[in-house]
Amino acid sequence: MKKSAFILAAVCFLAIPAHAADWAVRCAPDGTQCEAWQRLMVKETDQRMAEIAIGFPDGVDHPARGVMVLPLGIMLPAGVKLSIDKAAPYGAQVRYCTHDGCMAFLTLDDQVLNELRKGRAATLAFQSFAGKDVILPISLNGITVALEEAAVKKK
């Protein structure tokens, strides 16, 4: 735990590029579930800081689900906030952590999806183990195409 806490503390001070990655689509091997996703990387070390994925597990006529994978060593009770432009943030609790990171889930209705499609800037915010705010920029470049492709690929 001390090692991951140290890594998180070190990473929090590094600049994460505004366009850490564009959106892409990945699917289950059978093609029945697809999601749009983006990995937020630390430029200097090429390590994953966080990841966000948006899928339609119950079909495109139901709300989408956002899955956020956050680094280990964060303040769990603080949860995570997804902010789009200057609108009020959408909050989610961190549900559990594994060796891959801490997981938070967020239901994304049509309003949130439209804000993402039309948005200019988005961020993920959470607190480090030391209680310091960590704000990661999310590129919205390509999200509309990725969401459409993820919805169409679902059989």
C-alpha atoms as a PDB file:
ATOM      1  CA  MET A   1       0.000   0.000   0.000  1.00  0.00           C
ATOM      2  CA  LYS A   2       2.840   2.394   0.794  1.00  0.00           C
ATOM      3  CA  LYS A   3       4.279   1.907  -2.697  1.00  0.00           C
ATOM      4  CA  SER A   4       0.984   2.676  -4.476  1.00  0.00           C
ATOM      5  CA  ALA A   5       0.382   5.635  -2.162  1.00  0.00           C
ATOM      6  CA  PHE A   6       3.820   6.963  -3.036  1.00  0.00           C
ATOM      7  CA  ILE A   7       3.210   6.464  -6.755  1.00  0.00           C
ATOM      8  CA  LEU A   8      -0.142   8.278  -6.549  1.00  0.00           C
ATOM      9  CA  ALA A   9       1.446  11.141  -4.636  1.00  0.00           C
ATOM     10  CA  ALA A  10       4.193  11.455  -7.233  1.00  0.00           C
ATOM     11  CA  VAL A  11       1.796  11.249 -10.165  1.00  0.00           C
ATOM     12  CA  CYS A  12      -0.533  13.896  -8.737  1.00  0.00           C
ATOM     13  CA  PHE A  13       2.168  16.495  -9.288  1.00  0.00           C
ATOM     14  CA  LEU A  14       2.854  15.591 -12.911  1.00  0.00           C
ATOM     15  CA  ALA A  15       1.045  17.341 -15.708  1.00  0.00           C
ATOM     16  CA  ILE A  16      -1.425  15.110 -17.477  1.00  0.00           C
ATOM     17  CA  PRO A  17      -1.996  16.270 -21.033  1.00  0.00           C
ATOM     18  CA  ALA A  18      -5.425  17.641 -21.947  1.00  0.00           C
ATOM     19  CA  HIS A  19      -5.634  15.115 -24.767  1.00  0.00           C
ATOM     20  CA  ALA A  20      -4.194  12.106 -22.951  1.00  0.00           C
ATOM     21  CA  ALA A  21      -6.046   9.841 -25.359  1.00  0.00           C
ATOM     22  CA  ASP A  22      -8.949   9.984 -27.762  1.00  0.00           C
ATOM     23  CA  TRP A  23     -11.989   7.747 -27.433  1.00  0.00           C
ATOM     24  CA  ALA A  24     -11.924   4.272 -28.904  1.00  0.00           C
ATOM     25  CA  VAL A  25     -14.315   1.300 -28.970  1.00  0.00           C
ATOM     26  CA  ARG A  26     -13.700  -2.184 -27.596  1.00  0.00           C
ATOM     27  CA  CYS A  27     -16.051  -5.166 -27.616  1.00  0.00           C
ATOM     28  CA  ALA A  28     -16.452  -8.483 -25.851  1.00  0.00           C
ATOM     29  CA  PRO A  29     -15.154 -11.426 -27.918  1.00  0.00           C
ATOM     30  CA  ASP A  30     -18.692 -12.377 -28.975  1.00  0.00           C
ATOM     31  CA  GLY A  31     -19.463  -8.781 -30.003  1.00  0.00           C
ATOM     32  CA  THR A  32     -22.598  -8.508 -27.864  1.00  0.00           C
ATOM     33  CA  GLN A  33     -21.221  -5.822 -25.554  1.00  0.00           C
ATOM     34  CA  CYS A  34     -19.212  -2.828 -26.743  1.00  0.00           C
ATOM     35  CA  GLU A  35     -18.095   0.317 -25.005  1.00  0.00           C
ATOM     36  CA  ALA A  36     -16.465   3.629 -25.783  1.00  0.00           C
ATOM     37  CA  TRP A  37     -13.386   4.136 -23.648  1.00  0.00           C
ATOM     38  CA  GLN A  38     -10.459   6.384 -22.943  1.00  0.00           C
ATOM     39  CA  ARG A  39      -7.320   5.791 -20.916  1.00  0.00           C
ATOM     40  CA  LEU A  40      -5.785   8.768 -19.113  1.00  0.00           C
ATOM     41  CA  MET A  41      -2.026   8.405 -19.154  1.00  0.00           C
ATOM     42  CA  VAL A  42       0.823  10.133 -17.363  1.00  0.00           C
ATOM     43  CA  LYS A  43       2.838  11.585 -20.221  1.00  0.00           C
ATOM     44  CA  GLU A  44       6.223  11.398 -18.525  1.00  0.00           C
ATOM     45  CA  THR A  45       5.973   7.723 -17.521  1.00  0.00           C
ATOM     46  CA  ASP A  46       3.384   6.370 -19.980  1.00  0.00           C
ATOM     47  CA  GLN A  47       1.515   4.819 -17.042  1.00  0.00           C
ATOM     48  CA  ARG A  48      -2.257   4.635 -16.728  1.00  0.00           C
ATOM     49  CA  MET A  49      -3.649   7.122 -14.231  1.00  0.00           C
ATOM     50  CA  ALA A  50      -7.332   6.376 -14.832  1.00  0.00           C
ATOM     51  CA  GLU A  51      -9.715   4.962 -17.382  1.00  0.00           C
ATOM     52  CA  ILE A  52     -13.315   5.741 -18.255  1.00  0.00           C
ATOM     53  CA  ALA A  53     -15.613   3.508 -20.291  1.00  0.00           C
ATOM     54  CA  ILE A  54     -19.216   4.040 -21.400  1.00  0.00           C
ATOM     55  CA  GLY A  55     -21.371   1.147 -22.518  1.00  0.00           C
ATOM     56  CA  PHE A  56     -24.973   0.157 -23.086  1.00  0.00           C
ATOM     57  CA  PRO A  57     -25.342  -3.091 -21.088  1.00  0.00           C
ATOM     58  CA  ASP A  58     -29.145  -3.125 -21.284  1.00  0.00           C
ATOM     59  CA  GLY A  59     -29.437  -1.866 -24.872  1.00  0.00           C
ATOM     60  CA  VAL A  60     -29.402   1.578 -26.419  1.00  0.00           C
ATOM     61  CA  ASP A  61     -32.973   2.314 -25.268  1.00  0.00           C
ATOM     62  CA  HIS A  62     -31.805   2.275 -21.631  1.00  0.00           C
ATOM     63  CA  PRO A  63     -29.378   4.540 -19.791  1.00  0.00           C
ATOM     64  CA  ALA A  64     -25.721   3.996 -20.489  1.00  0.00           C
ATOM     65  CA  ARG A  65     -23.327   3.008 -17.735  1.00  0.00           C
ATOM     66  CA  GLY A  66     -20.049   4.724 -17.052  1.00  0.00           C
ATOM     67  CA  VAL A  67     -17.243   2.764 -15.435  1.00  0.00           C
ATOM     68  CA  MET A  68     -14.304   4.662 -14.011  1.00  0.00           C
ATOM     69  CA  VAL A  69     -11.094   2.890 -13.018  1.00  0.00           C
ATOM     70  CA  LEU A  70      -9.128   5.061 -10.609  1.00  0.00           C
ATOM     71  CA  PRO A  71      -5.656   4.562  -9.126  1.00  0.00           C
ATOM     72  CA  LEU A  72      -5.063   2.777  -5.849  1.00  0.00           C
ATOM     73  CA  GLY A  73      -4.320   4.976  -2.852  1.00  0.00           C
ATOM     74  CA  ILE A  74      -7.277   7.336  -3.183  1.00  0.00           C
ATOM     75  CA  MET A  75      -9.708   8.559  -0.519  1.00  0.00           C
ATOM     76  CA  LEU A  76     -12.630   6.162  -1.028  1.00  0.00           C
ATOM     77  CA  PRO A  77     -15.365   8.054   0.907  1.00  0.00           C
ATOM     78  CA  ALA A  78     -14.831  11.152  -1.270  1.00  0.00           C
ATOM     79  CA  GLY A  79     -15.956   9.261  -4.382  1.00  0.00           C
ATOM     80  CA  VAL A  80     -15.363  10.578  -7.881  1.00  0.00           C
ATOM     81  CA  LYS A  81     -16.936  13.426  -9.843  1.00  0.00           C
ATOM     82  CA  LEU A  82     -17.380  13.683 -13.600  1.00  0.00           C
ATOM     83  CA  SER A  83     -17.640  17.307 -14.730  1.00  0.00           C
ATOM     84  CA  ILE A  84     -18.592  18.399 -18.237  1.00  0.00           C
ATOM     85  CA  ASP A  85     -17.866  21.999 -19.159  1.00  0.00           C
ATOM     86  CA  LYS A  86     -19.153  24.229 -16.361  1.00  0.00           C
ATOM     87  CA  ALA A  87     -22.221  22.138 -15.457  1.00  0.00           C
ATOM     88  CA  ALA A  88     -22.682  20.693 -11.983  1.00  0.00           C
ATOM     89  CA  PRO A  89     -20.601  17.530 -11.566  1.00  0.00           C
ATOM     90  CA  TYR A  90     -22.049  14.030 -11.544  1.00  0.00           C
ATOM     91  CA  GLY A  91     -20.881  12.108  -8.506  1.00  0.00           C
ATOM     92  CA  ALA A  92     -20.322   8.402  -7.930  1.00  0.00           C
ATOM     93  CA  GLN A  93     -19.092   6.356  -4.999  1.00  0.00           C
ATOM     94  CA  VAL A  94     -16.070   4.149  -5.364  1.00  0.00           C
ATOM     95  CA  ARG A  95     -17.513   0.632  -5.066  1.00  0.00           C
ATOM     96  CA  TYR A  96     -14.395  -1.522  -4.657  1.00  0.00           C
ATOM     97  CA  CYS A  97     -10.691  -1.789  -5.427  1.00  0.00           C
ATOM     98  CA  THR A  98      -8.655  -4.584  -7.014  1.00  0.00           C
ATOM     99  CA  HIS A  99      -5.026  -4.791  -8.076  1.00  0.00           C
ATOM    100  CA  ASP A 100      -6.100  -3.010 -11.297  1.00  0.00           C
ATOM    101  CA  GLY A 101      -7.502   0.040  -9.502  1.00  0.00           C
ATOM    102  CA  CYS A 102     -10.598   1.353  -7.755  1.00  0.00           C
ATOM    103  CA  MET A 103     -13.945   1.060  -9.536  1.00  0.00           C
ATOM    104  CA  ALA A 104     -16.787   3.584  -9.627  1.00  0.00           C
ATOM    105  CA  PHE A 105     -19.989   3.300 -11.669  1.00  0.00           C
ATOM    106  CA  LEU A 106     -22.314   6.022 -12.932  1.00  0.00           C
ATOM    107  CA  THR A 107     -25.635   5.784 -14.761  1.00  0.00           C
ATOM    108  CA  LEU A 108     -25.538   8.109 -17.777  1.00  0.00           C
ATOM    109  CA  ASP A 109     -28.953   9.115 -19.063  1.00  0.00           C
ATOM    110  CA  ASP A 110     -29.595  10.883 -22.376  1.00  0.00           C
ATOM    111  CA  GLN A 111     -28.965  14.299 -20.809  1.00  0.00           C
ATOM    112  CA  VAL A 112     -25.477  13.330 -19.638  1.00  0.00           C
ATOM    113  CA  LEU A 113     -24.646  11.626 -22.950  1.00  0.00           C
ATOM    114  CA  ASN A 114     -25.742  14.744 -24.846  1.00  0.00           C
ATOM    115  CA  GLU A 115     -23.602  16.925 -22.578  1.00  0.00           C
ATOM    116  CA  LEU A 116     -20.624  14.686 -23.330  1.00  0.00           C
ATOM    117  CA  ARG A 117     -21.297  14.776 -27.083  1.00  0.00           C
ATOM    118  CA  LYS A 118     -21.614  18.568 -27.134  1.00  0.00           C
ATOM    119  CA  GLY A 119     -19.034  19.265 -24.450  1.00  0.00           C
ATOM    120  CA  ARG A 120     -15.749  21.024 -24.905  1.00  0.00           C
ATOM    121  CA  ALA A 121     -13.996  19.836 -21.755  1.00  0.00           C
ATOM    122  CA  ALA A 122     -14.522  17.223 -19.069  1.00  0.00           C
ATOM    123  CA  THR A 123     -12.703  16.163 -15.924  1.00  0.00           C
ATOM    124  CA  LEU A 124     -12.593  13.332 -13.411  1.00  0.00           C
ATOM    125  CA  ALA A 125     -11.976  14.524  -9.861  1.00  0.00           C
ATOM    126  CA  PHE A 126     -11.194  12.562  -6.709  1.00  0.00           C
ATOM    127  CA  GLN A 127      -9.018  12.907  -3.621  1.00  0.00           C
ATOM    128  CA  SER A 128      -5.618  11.403  -2.974  1.00  0.00           C
ATOM    129  CA  PHE A 129      -5.000   9.410   0.205  1.00  0.00           C
ATOM    130  CA  ALA A 130      -3.620  12.650   1.681  1.00  0.00           C
ATOM    131  CA  GLY A 131      -6.907  14.472   0.998  1.00  0.00           C
ATOM    132  CA  LYS A 132      -5.568  16.544  -1.916  1.00  0.00           C
ATOM    133  CA  ASP A 133      -7.838  17.107  -4.891  1.00  0.00           C
ATOM    134  CA  VAL A 134      -6.777  15.330  -8.079  1.00  0.00           C
ATOM    135  CA  ILE A 135      -8.389  16.607 -11.285  1.00  0.00           C
ATOM    136  CA  LEU A 136      -7.766  14.725 -14.519  1.00  0.00           C
ATOM    137  CA  PRO A 137      -8.704  16.248 -17.885  1.00  0.00           C
ATOM    138  CA  ILE A 138     -10.684  14.044 -20.263  1.00  0.00           C
ATOM    139  CA  SER A 139     -10.527  14.593 -24.000  1.00  0.00           C
ATOM    140  CA  LEU A 140     -13.974  14.672 -25.584  1.00  0.00           C
ATOM    141  CA  ASN A 141     -12.411  14.468 -29.041  1.00  0.00           C
ATOM    142  CA  GLY A 142     -14.072  11.529 -30.801  1.00  0.00           C
ATOM    143  CA  ILE A 143     -16.603  10.654 -28.097  1.00  0.00           C
ATOM    144  CA  THR A 144     -19.658  11.075 -30.354  1.00  0.00           C
ATOM    145  CA  VAL A 145     -18.333   8.673 -32.986  1.00  0.00           C
ATOM    146  CA  ALA A 146     -17.177   6.184 -30.338  1.00  0.00           C
ATOM    147  CA  LEU A 147     -20.568   6.187 -28.568  1.00  0.00           C
ATOM    148  CA  GLU A 148     -22.397   5.660 -31.861  1.00  0.00           C
ATOM    149  CA  GLU A 149     -20.050   2.844 -32.844  1.00  0.00           C
ATOM    150  CA  ALA A 150     -20.388   1.155 -29.433  1.00  0.00           C
ATOM    151  CA  ALA A 151     -24.184   1.277 -29.711  1.00  0.00           C
ATOM    152  CA  VAL A 152     -24.250  -0.026 -33.319  1.00  0.00           C
ATOM    153  CA  LYS A 153     -21.829  -2.901 -32.686  1.00  0.00           C
ATOM    154  CA  LYS A 154     -24.118  -4.335 -30.019  1.00  0.00           C
ATOM    155  CA  LYS A 155     -25.909  -7.317 -31.586  1.00  0.00           C
END
